[in-house]
């Protein structure tokens, strides 16, 4: 489990598991996800994370690619971009 968390934070995912955001940014690891979320507009964030469709693409990606159930669960249900970033940043510290 610890090895998977270290991989998620410091290592890149496989090329076929890269996350493509709605605005075309490619994300390979948690650091890049933080950077992408920080710089994405509200429309793009809402495209990936929204209550209307019960959608949280980033949490799903973290769970599926890095097998990090704990972080994915912390992000589920969060729709506030600022709080989302706080959780991600705390995770890598």
PDB file of N, CA and C in Angstrom:
ATOM      1  N   UNK A   1       0.822  -1.197   0.000  1.00  0.00           N
ATOM      2  CA  UNK A   1       0.000   0.000   0.000  1.00  0.00           C
ATOM      3  C   UNK A   1       0.862   1.256   0.000  1.00  0.00           C
ATOM      4  N   UNK A   2       1.855   1.321   0.866  1.00  0.00           N
ATOM      5  CA  UNK A   2       2.731   2.493   0.928  1.00  0.00           C
ATOM      6  C   UNK A   2       3.445   2.703  -0.400  1.00  0.00           C
ATOM      7  N   UNK A   3       3.817   1.614  -1.058  1.00  0.00           N
ATOM      8  CA  UNK A   3       4.498   1.716  -2.353  1.00  0.00           C
ATOM      9  C   UNK A   3       3.584   2.359  -3.393  1.00  0.00           C
ATOM     10  N   UNK A   4       2.293   2.026  -3.361  1.00  0.00           N
ATOM     11  CA  UNK A   4       1.336   2.605  -4.301  1.00  0.00           C
ATOM     12  C   UNK A   4       1.156   4.098  -4.049  1.00  0.00           C
ATOM     13  N   UNK A   5       1.121   4.487  -2.781  1.00  0.00           N
ATOM     14  CA  UNK A   5       0.975   5.898  -2.439  1.00  0.00           C
ATOM     15  C   UNK A   5       2.195   6.677  -2.904  1.00  0.00           C
ATOM     16  N   UNK A   6       3.383   6.135  -2.675  1.00  0.00           N
ATOM     17  CA  UNK A   6       4.612   6.791  -3.127  1.00  0.00           C
ATOM     18  C   UNK A   6       4.601   6.923  -4.640  1.00  0.00           C
ATOM     19  N   UNK A   7       4.175   5.879  -5.341  1.00  0.00           N
ATOM     20  CA  UNK A   7       4.095   5.933  -6.802  1.00  0.00           C
ATOM     21  C   UNK A   7       3.124   7.015  -7.241  1.00  0.00           C
ATOM     22  N   UNK A   8       1.980   7.119  -6.575  1.00  0.00           N
ATOM     23  CA  UNK A   8       0.971   8.100  -6.948  1.00  0.00           C
ATOM     24  C   UNK A   8       1.472   9.524  -6.771  1.00  0.00           C
ATOM     25  N   UNK A   9       2.261   9.730  -5.737  1.00  0.00           N
ATOM     26  CA  UNK A   9       2.747  11.079  -5.450  1.00  0.00           C
ATOM     27  C   UNK A   9       3.965  11.427  -6.295  1.00  0.00           C
ATOM     28  N   UNK A  10       4.893  10.515  -6.397  1.00  0.00           N
ATOM     29  CA  UNK A  10       6.171  10.813  -7.031  1.00  0.00           C
ATOM     30  C   UNK A  10       6.335  10.235  -8.427  1.00  0.00           C
ATOM     31  N   UNK A  11       5.607   9.192  -8.739  1.00  0.00           N
ATOM     32  CA  UNK A  11       5.810   8.529 -10.021  1.00  0.00           C
ATOM     33  C   UNK A  11       4.702   8.806 -11.002  1.00  0.00           C
ATOM     34  N   UNK A  12       5.020   8.629 -12.250  1.00  0.00           N
ATOM     35  CA  UNK A  12       4.041   8.809 -13.309  1.00  0.00           C
ATOM     36  C   UNK A  12       3.276   7.510 -13.539  1.00  0.00           C
ATOM     37  N   UNK A  13       2.069   7.660 -14.000  1.00  0.00           N
ATOM     38  CA  UNK A  13       1.287   6.496 -14.381  1.00  0.00           C
ATOM     39  C   UNK A  13       1.773   6.010 -15.750  1.00  0.00           C
ATOM     40  N   UNK A  14       1.276   4.873 -16.159  1.00  0.00           N
ATOM     41  CA  UNK A  14       1.617   4.358 -17.490  1.00  0.00           C
ATOM     42  C   UNK A  14       1.031   5.284 -18.555  1.00  0.00           C
ATOM     43  N   UNK A  15       1.608   5.245 -19.723  1.00  0.00           N
ATOM     44  CA  UNK A  15       1.171   6.127 -20.810  1.00  0.00           C
ATOM     45  C   UNK A  15      -0.305   5.936 -21.157  1.00  0.00           C
ATOM     46  N   UNK A  16      -0.809   4.724 -21.050  1.00  0.00           N
ATOM     47  CA  UNK A  16      -2.210   4.474 -21.386  1.00  0.00           C
ATOM     48  C   UNK A  16      -3.168   4.846 -20.254  1.00  0.00           C
ATOM     49  N   UNK A  17      -2.635   5.343 -19.129  1.00  0.00           N
ATOM     50  CA  UNK A  17      -3.471   5.733 -17.995  1.00  0.00           C
ATOM     51  C   UNK A  17      -3.437   7.237 -17.720  1.00  0.00           C
ATOM     52  N   UNK A  18      -2.808   7.992 -18.584  1.00  0.00           N
ATOM     53  CA  UNK A  18      -2.709   9.437 -18.422  1.00  0.00           C
ATOM     54  C   UNK A  18      -4.115  10.033 -18.411  1.00  0.00           C
ATOM     55  N   UNK A  19      -4.322  11.002 -17.535  1.00  0.00           N
ATOM     56  CA  UNK A  19      -5.608  11.688 -17.455  1.00  0.00           C
ATOM     57  C   UNK A  19      -5.575  12.880 -18.409  1.00  0.00           C
ATOM     58  N   UNK A  20      -6.538  12.929 -19.299  1.00  0.00           N
ATOM     59  CA  UNK A  20      -6.700  14.054 -20.220  1.00  0.00           C
ATOM     60  C   UNK A  20      -7.837  14.916 -19.696  1.00  0.00           C
ATOM     61  N   UNK A  21      -7.515  16.137 -19.306  1.00  0.00           N
ATOM     62  CA  UNK A  21      -8.575  17.014 -18.829  1.00  0.00           C
ATOM     63  C   UNK A  21      -9.374  17.545 -20.015  1.00  0.00           C
ATOM     64  N   UNK A  22     -10.526  18.069 -19.713  1.00  0.00           N
ATOM     65  CA  UNK A  22     -11.422  18.593 -20.737  1.00  0.00           C
ATOM     66  C   UNK A  22     -10.765  19.696 -21.555  1.00  0.00           C
ATOM     67  N   UNK A  23      -9.840  20.442 -20.928  1.00  0.00           N
ATOM     68  CA  UNK A  23      -9.169  21.533 -21.650  1.00  0.00           C
ATOM     69  C   UNK A  23      -7.849  21.102 -22.278  1.00  0.00           C
ATOM     70  N   UNK A  24      -7.582  19.785 -22.330  1.00  0.00           N
ATOM     71  CA  UNK A  24      -6.444  19.261 -23.062  1.00  0.00           C
ATOM     72  C   UNK A  24      -5.164  19.072 -22.272  1.00  0.00           C
ATOM     73  N   UNK A  25      -5.166  19.347 -20.978  1.00  0.00           N
ATOM     74  CA  UNK A  25      -3.976  19.167 -20.150  1.00  0.00           C
ATOM     75  C   UNK A  25      -3.825  17.688 -19.817  1.00  0.00           C
ATOM     76  N   UNK A  26      -2.596  17.185 -19.924  1.00  0.00           N
ATOM     77  CA  UNK A  26      -2.301  15.793 -19.580  1.00  0.00           C
ATOM     78  C   UNK A  26      -1.754  15.729 -18.160  1.00  0.00           C
ATOM     79  N   UNK A  27      -2.247  14.759 -17.393  1.00  0.00           N
ATOM     80  CA  UNK A  27      -1.835  14.594 -16.001  1.00  0.00           C
ATOM     81  C   UNK A  27      -1.282  13.190 -15.827  1.00  0.00           C
ATOM     82  N   UNK A  28      -0.044  13.111 -15.288  1.00  0.00           N
ATOM     83  CA  UNK A  28       0.637  11.825 -15.118  1.00  0.00           C
ATOM     84  C   UNK A  28       0.761  11.394 -13.661  1.00  0.00           C
ATOM     85  N   UNK A  29       0.592  12.327 -12.718  1.00  0.00           N
ATOM     86  CA  UNK A  29       0.771  12.010 -11.293  1.00  0.00           C
ATOM     87  C   UNK A  29       0.029  13.049 -10.447  1.00  0.00           C
ATOM     88  N   UNK A  30       0.114  12.896  -9.138  1.00  0.00           N
ATOM     89  CA  UNK A  30      -0.628  13.778  -8.226  1.00  0.00           C
ATOM     90  C   UNK A  30      -0.113  15.215  -8.287  1.00  0.00           C
ATOM     91  N   UNK A  31       1.202  15.394  -8.391  1.00  0.00           N
ATOM     92  CA  UNK A  31       1.745  16.750  -8.492  1.00  0.00           C
ATOM     93  C   UNK A  31       1.183  17.474  -9.714  1.00  0.00           C
ATOM     94  N   UNK A  32       1.135  16.779 -10.832  1.00  0.00           N
ATOM     95  CA  UNK A  32       0.580  17.388 -12.039  1.00  0.00           C
ATOM     96  C   UNK A  32      -0.913  17.638 -11.898  1.00  0.00           C
ATOM     97  N   UNK A  33      -1.605  16.770 -11.168  1.00  0.00           N
ATOM     98  CA  UNK A  33      -3.027  16.985 -10.935  1.00  0.00           C
ATOM     99  C   UNK A  33      -3.250  18.260 -10.131  1.00  0.00           C
ATOM    100  N   UNK A  34      -2.448  18.445  -9.097  1.00  0.00           N
ATOM    101  CA  UNK A  34      -2.552  19.672  -8.290  1.00  0.00           C
ATOM    102  C   UNK A  34      -2.348  20.891  -9.179  1.00  0.00           C
ATOM    103  N   UNK A  35      -1.305  20.873  -9.969  1.00  0.00           N
ATOM    104  CA  UNK A  35      -1.001  22.001 -10.860  1.00  0.00           C
ATOM    105  C   UNK A  35      -2.158  22.227 -11.846  1.00  0.00           C
ATOM    106  N   UNK A  36      -2.677  21.151 -12.398  1.00  0.00           N
ATOM    107  CA  UNK A  36      -3.760  21.273 -13.374  1.00  0.00           C
ATOM    108  C   UNK A  36      -5.014  21.874 -12.739  1.00  0.00           C
ATOM    109  N   UNK A  37      -5.376  21.387 -11.558  1.00  0.00           N
ATOM    110  CA  UNK A  37      -6.577  21.896 -10.886  1.00  0.00           C
ATOM    111  C   UNK A  37      -6.389  23.362 -10.490  1.00  0.00           C
ATOM    112  N   UNK A  38      -5.196  23.701 -10.018  1.00  0.00           N
ATOM    113  CA  UNK A  38      -4.922  25.097  -9.642  1.00  0.00           C
ATOM    114  C   UNK A  38      -5.135  26.047 -10.807  1.00  0.00           C
ATOM    115  N   UNK A  39      -4.793  25.610 -12.009  1.00  0.00           N
ATOM    116  CA  UNK A  39      -4.815  26.500 -13.161  1.00  0.00           C
ATOM    117  C   UNK A  39      -6.031  26.325 -14.074  1.00  0.00           C
ATOM    118  N   UNK A  40      -6.893  25.368 -13.764  1.00  0.00           N
ATOM    119  CA  UNK A  40      -8.039  25.185 -14.650  1.00  0.00           C
ATOM    120  C   UNK A  40      -9.171  26.142 -14.279  1.00  0.00           C
ATOM    121  N   UNK A  41      -9.925  26.503 -15.274  1.00  0.00           N
ATOM    122  CA  UNK A  41     -11.067  27.382 -15.021  1.00  0.00           C
ATOM    123  C   UNK A  41     -12.193  26.580 -14.370  1.00  0.00           C
ATOM    124  N   UNK A  42     -13.170  27.296 -13.884  1.00  0.00           N
ATOM    125  CA  UNK A  42     -14.276  26.660 -13.153  1.00  0.00           C
ATOM    126  C   UNK A  42     -15.070  25.722 -14.052  1.00  0.00           C
ATOM    127  N   UNK A  43     -15.236  26.079 -15.320  1.00  0.00           N
ATOM    128  CA  UNK A  43     -15.967  25.225 -16.253  1.00  0.00           C
ATOM    129  C   UNK A  43     -15.306  23.856 -16.362  1.00  0.00           C
ATOM    130  N   UNK A  44     -13.994  23.848 -16.517  1.00  0.00           N
ATOM    131  CA  UNK A  44     -13.266  22.582 -16.660  1.00  0.00           C
ATOM    132  C   UNK A  44     -13.348  21.769 -15.375  1.00  0.00           C
ATOM    133  N   UNK A  45     -13.169  22.437 -14.222  1.00  0.00           N
ATOM    134  CA  UNK A  45     -13.272  21.714 -12.957  1.00  0.00           C
ATOM    135  C   UNK A  45     -14.661  21.094 -12.826  1.00  0.00           C
ATOM    136  N   UNK A  46     -15.699  21.853 -13.130  1.00  0.00           N
ATOM    137  CA  UNK A  46     -17.079  21.359 -13.034  1.00  0.00           C
ATOM    138  C   UNK A  46     -17.356  20.240 -14.039  1.00  0.00           C
ATOM    139  N   UNK A  47     -16.669  20.257 -15.155  1.00  0.00           N
ATOM    140  CA  UNK A  47     -16.822  19.177 -16.132  1.00  0.00           C
ATOM    141  C   UNK A  47     -16.397  17.850 -15.509  1.00  0.00           C
ATOM    142  N   UNK A  48     -15.344  17.881 -14.722  1.00  0.00           N
ATOM    143  CA  UNK A  48     -14.796  16.659 -14.126  1.00  0.00           C
ATOM    144  C   UNK A  48     -15.347  16.349 -12.741  1.00  0.00           C
ATOM    145  N   UNK A  49     -15.776  17.372 -12.021  1.00  0.00           N
ATOM    146  CA  UNK A  49     -16.263  17.188 -10.648  1.00  0.00           C
ATOM    147  C   UNK A  49     -17.577  17.940 -10.512  1.00  0.00           C
ATOM    148  N   UNK A  50     -18.681  17.187 -10.407  1.00  0.00           N
ATOM    149  CA  UNK A  50     -19.963  17.857 -10.237  1.00  0.00           C
ATOM    150  C   UNK A  50     -20.979  16.954  -9.558  1.00  0.00           C
ATOM    151  N   UNK A  51     -21.886  17.584  -8.856  1.00  0.00           N
ATOM    152  CA  UNK A  51     -22.954  16.874  -8.145  1.00  0.00           C
ATOM    153  C   UNK A  51     -24.051  16.429  -9.091  1.00  0.00           C
ATOM    154  N   UNK A  52     -24.314  17.230 -10.118  1.00  0.00           N
ATOM    155  CA  UNK A  52     -25.425  16.949 -11.020  1.00  0.00           C
ATOM    156  C   UNK A  52     -25.360  15.538 -11.596  1.00  0.00           C
ATOM    157  N   UNK A  53     -24.185  15.131 -11.991  1.00  0.00           N
ATOM    158  CA  UNK A  53     -23.999  13.806 -12.582  1.00  0.00           C
ATOM    159  C   UNK A  53     -23.326  12.839 -11.619  1.00  0.00           C
ATOM    160  N   UNK A  54     -23.215  13.257 -10.354  1.00  0.00           N
ATOM    161  CA  UNK A  54     -22.516  12.441  -9.359  1.00  0.00           C
ATOM    162  C   UNK A  54     -21.165  12.002  -9.925  1.00  0.00           C
ATOM    163  N   UNK A  55     -20.405  12.982 -10.377  1.00  0.00           N
ATOM    164  CA  UNK A  55     -19.182  12.728 -11.131  1.00  0.00           C
ATOM    165  C   UNK A  55     -17.973  13.285 -10.386  1.00  0.00           C
ATOM    166  N   UNK A  56     -16.925  12.484 -10.312  1.00  0.00           N
ATOM    167  CA  UNK A  56     -15.664  12.928  -9.738  1.00  0.00           C
ATOM    168  C   UNK A  56     -14.554  12.180 -10.464  1.00  0.00           C
ATOM    169  N   UNK A  57     -14.246  12.648 -11.652  1.00  0.00           N
ATOM    170  CA  UNK A  57     -13.274  11.967 -12.515  1.00  0.00           C
ATOM    171  C   UNK A  57     -11.899  11.838 -11.869  1.00  0.00           C
ATOM    172  N   UNK A  58     -11.481  12.864 -11.137  1.00  0.00           N
ATOM    173  CA  UNK A  58     -10.143  12.822 -10.530  1.00  0.00           C
ATOM    174  C   UNK A  58     -10.060  11.755  -9.452  1.00  0.00           C
ATOM    175  N   UNK A  59     -11.076  11.668  -8.614  1.00  0.00           N
ATOM    176  CA  UNK A  59     -11.094  10.631  -7.573  1.00  0.00           C
ATOM    177  C   UNK A  59     -11.123   9.247  -8.210  1.00  0.00           C
ATOM    178  N   UNK A  60     -11.915   9.086  -9.270  1.00  0.00           N
ATOM    179  CA  UNK A  60     -11.966   7.799  -9.970  1.00  0.00           C
ATOM    180  C   UNK A  60     -10.603   7.437 -10.551  1.00  0.00           C
ATOM    181  N   UNK A  61      -9.928   8.420 -11.149  1.00  0.00           N
ATOM    182  CA  UNK A  61      -8.606   8.189 -11.737  1.00  0.00           C
ATOM    183  C   UNK A  61      -7.608   7.777 -10.659  1.00  0.00           C
ATOM    184  N   UNK A  62      -7.613   8.462  -9.548  1.00  0.00           N
ATOM    185  CA  UNK A  62      -6.700   8.138  -8.444  1.00  0.00           C
ATOM    186  C   UNK A  62      -6.957   6.720  -7.951  1.00  0.00           C
ATOM    187  N   UNK A  63      -8.214   6.350  -7.817  1.00  0.00           N
ATOM    188  CA  UNK A  63      -8.576   5.010  -7.355  1.00  0.00           C
ATOM    189  C   UNK A  63      -8.162   3.950  -8.390  1.00  0.00           C
ATOM    190  N   UNK A  64      -8.506   4.181  -9.647  1.00  0.00           N
ATOM    191  CA  UNK A  64      -8.273   3.175 -10.682  1.00  0.00           C
ATOM    192  C   UNK A  64      -6.809   3.026 -11.082  1.00  0.00           C
ATOM    193  N   UNK A  65      -6.101   4.143 -11.172  1.00  0.00           N
ATOM    194  CA  UNK A  65      -4.726   4.105 -11.678  1.00  0.00           C
ATOM    195  C   UNK A  65      -3.714   3.855 -10.567  1.00  0.00           C
ATOM    196  N   UNK A  66      -3.899   4.502  -9.428  1.00  0.00           N
ATOM    197  CA  UNK A  66      -2.913   4.406  -8.348  1.00  0.00           C
ATOM    198  C   UNK A  66      -3.379   3.529  -7.188  1.00  0.00           C
ATOM    199  N   UNK A  67      -4.594   3.009  -7.289  1.00  0.00           N
ATOM    200  CA  UNK A  67      -5.161   2.141  -6.248  1.00  0.00           C
ATOM    201  C   UNK A  67      -5.113   2.816  -4.880  1.00  0.00           C
ATOM    202  N   UNK A  68      -5.339   4.121  -4.868  1.00  0.00           N
ATOM    203  CA  UNK A  68      -5.307   4.878  -3.623  1.00  0.00           C
ATOM    204  C   UNK A  68      -6.748   5.165  -3.188  1.00  0.00           C
ATOM    205  N   UNK A  69      -7.330   4.195  -2.547  1.00  0.00           N
ATOM    206  CA  UNK A  69      -8.717   4.288  -2.109  1.00  0.00           C
ATOM    207  C   UNK A  69      -8.903   5.388  -1.068  1.00  0.00           C
ATOM    208  N   UNK A  70      -7.944   5.548  -0.179  1.00  0.00           N
ATOM    209  CA  UNK A  70      -8.074   6.536   0.893  1.00  0.00           C
ATOM    210  C   UNK A  70      -8.175   7.959   0.350  1.00  0.00           C
ATOM    211  N   UNK A  71      -7.272   8.326  -0.551  1.00  0.00           N
ATOM    212  CA  UNK A  71      -7.327   9.669  -1.129  1.00  0.00           C
ATOM    213  C   UNK A  71      -8.590   9.838  -1.968  1.00  0.00           C
ATOM    214  N   UNK A  72      -8.937   8.846  -2.744  1.00  0.00           N
ATOM    215  CA  UNK A  72     -10.142   8.931  -3.575  1.00  0.00           C
ATOM    216  C   UNK A  72     -11.374   9.169  -2.707  1.00  0.00           C
ATOM    217  N   UNK A  73     -11.455   8.488  -1.576  1.00  0.00           N
ATOM    218  CA  UNK A  73     -12.604   8.664  -0.685  1.00  0.00           C
ATOM    219  C   UNK A  73     -12.638  10.061  -0.077  1.00  0.00           C
ATOM    220  N   UNK A  74     -11.463  10.631   0.206  1.00  0.00           N
ATOM    221  CA  UNK A  74     -11.420  11.995   0.756  1.00  0.00           C
ATOM    222  C   UNK A  74     -11.920  13.011  -0.266  1.00  0.00           C
ATOM    223  N   UNK A  75     -11.704  12.736  -1.537  1.00  0.00           N
ATOM    224  CA  UNK A  75     -12.087  13.661  -2.600  1.00  0.00           C
ATOM    225  C   UNK A  75     -13.541  13.490  -3.036  1.00  0.00           C
ATOM    226  N   UNK A  76     -14.087  12.303  -2.849  1.00  0.00           N
ATOM    227  CA  UNK A  76     -15.472  12.061  -3.243  1.00  0.00           C
ATOM    228  C   UNK A  76     -16.405  12.975  -2.465  1.00  0.00           C
ATOM    229  N   UNK A  77     -17.368  13.490  -3.145  1.00  0.00           N
ATOM    230  CA  UNK A  77     -18.336  14.362  -2.491  1.00  0.00           C
ATOM    231  C   UNK A  77     -17.887  15.806  -2.379  1.00  0.00           C
ATOM    232  N   UNK A  78     -16.622  16.080  -2.685  1.00  0.00           N
ATOM    233  CA  UNK A  78     -16.139  17.465  -2.660  1.00  0.00           C
ATOM    234  C   UNK A  78     -16.411  18.106  -4.012  1.00  0.00           C
ATOM    235  N   UNK A  79     -17.035  19.262  -3.984  1.00  0.00           N
ATOM    236  CA  UNK A  79     -17.311  19.986  -5.217  1.00  0.00           C
ATOM    237  C   UNK A  79     -16.677  21.369  -5.211  1.00  0.00           C
ATOM    238  N   UNK A  80     -16.046  21.717  -4.115  1.00  0.00           N
ATOM    239  CA  UNK A  80     -15.399  23.009  -3.971  1.00  0.00           C
ATOM    240  C   UNK A  80     -13.935  22.883  -4.399  1.00  0.00           C
ATOM    241  N   UNK A  81     -13.555  23.632  -5.414  1.00  0.00           N
ATOM    242  CA  UNK A  81     -12.203  23.537  -5.968  1.00  0.00           C
ATOM    243  C   UNK A  81     -11.135  23.838  -4.921  1.00  0.00           C
ATOM    244  N   UNK A  82     -11.367  24.837  -4.092  1.00  0.00           N
ATOM    245  CA  UNK A  82     -10.390  25.216  -3.071  1.00  0.00           C
ATOM    246  C   UNK A  82     -10.185  24.075  -2.075  1.00  0.00           C
ATOM    247  N   UNK A  83     -11.261  23.480  -1.600  1.00  0.00           N
ATOM    248  CA  UNK A  83     -11.155  22.367  -0.654  1.00  0.00           C
ATOM    249  C   UNK A  83     -10.523  21.145  -1.321  1.00  0.00           C
ATOM    250  N   UNK A  84     -10.830  20.949  -2.576  1.00  0.00           N
ATOM    251  CA  UNK A  84     -10.255  19.848  -3.348  1.00  0.00           C
ATOM    252  C   UNK A  84      -8.736  19.971  -3.374  1.00  0.00           C
ATOM    253  N   UNK A  85      -8.269  21.180  -3.660  1.00  0.00           N
ATOM    254  CA  UNK A  85      -6.824  21.432  -3.690  1.00  0.00           C
ATOM    255  C   UNK A  85      -6.193  21.259  -2.316  1.00  0.00           C
ATOM    256  N   UNK A  86      -6.884  21.700  -1.265  1.00  0.00           N
ATOM    257  CA  UNK A  86      -6.357  21.531   0.088  1.00  0.00           C
ATOM    258  C   UNK A  86      -6.096  20.061   0.397  1.00  0.00           C
ATOM    259  N   UNK A  87      -7.054  19.202   0.056  1.00  0.00           N
ATOM    260  CA  UNK A  87      -6.898  17.763   0.311  1.00  0.00           C
ATOM    261  C   UNK A  87      -5.724  17.212  -0.492  1.00  0.00           C
ATOM    262  N   UNK A  88      -5.636  17.564  -1.755  1.00  0.00           N
ATOM    263  CA  UNK A  88      -4.529  17.068  -2.588  1.00  0.00           C
ATOM    264  C   UNK A  88      -3.178  17.525  -2.049  1.00  0.00           C
ATOM    265  N   UNK A  89      -3.091  18.786  -1.676  1.00  0.00           N
ATOM    266  CA  UNK A  89      -1.816  19.317  -1.171  1.00  0.00           C
ATOM    267  C   UNK A  89      -1.431  18.698   0.161  1.00  0.00           C
ATOM    268  N   UNK A  90      -2.398  18.486   1.031  1.00  0.00           N
ATOM    269  CA  UNK A  90      -2.115  17.820   2.315  1.00  0.00           C
ATOM    270  C   UNK A  90      -1.602  16.412   2.077  1.00  0.00           C
ATOM    271  N   UNK A  91      -2.149  15.759   1.060  1.00  0.00           N
ATOM    272  CA  UNK A  91      -1.775  14.371   0.787  1.00  0.00           C
ATOM    273  C   UNK A  91      -0.311  14.242   0.387  1.00  0.00           C
ATOM    274  N   UNK A  92       0.200  15.216  -0.336  1.00  0.00           N
ATOM    275  CA  UNK A  92       1.592  15.103  -0.794  1.00  0.00           C
ATOM    276  C   UNK A  92       2.607  15.618   0.229  1.00  0.00           C
ATOM    277  N   UNK A  93       2.134  16.264   1.278  1.00  0.00           N
ATOM    278  CA  UNK A  93       3.062  16.776   2.305  1.00  0.00           C
ATOM    279  C   UNK A  93       3.507  15.699   3.248  1.00  0.00           C
TER     280      UNK A  93
END
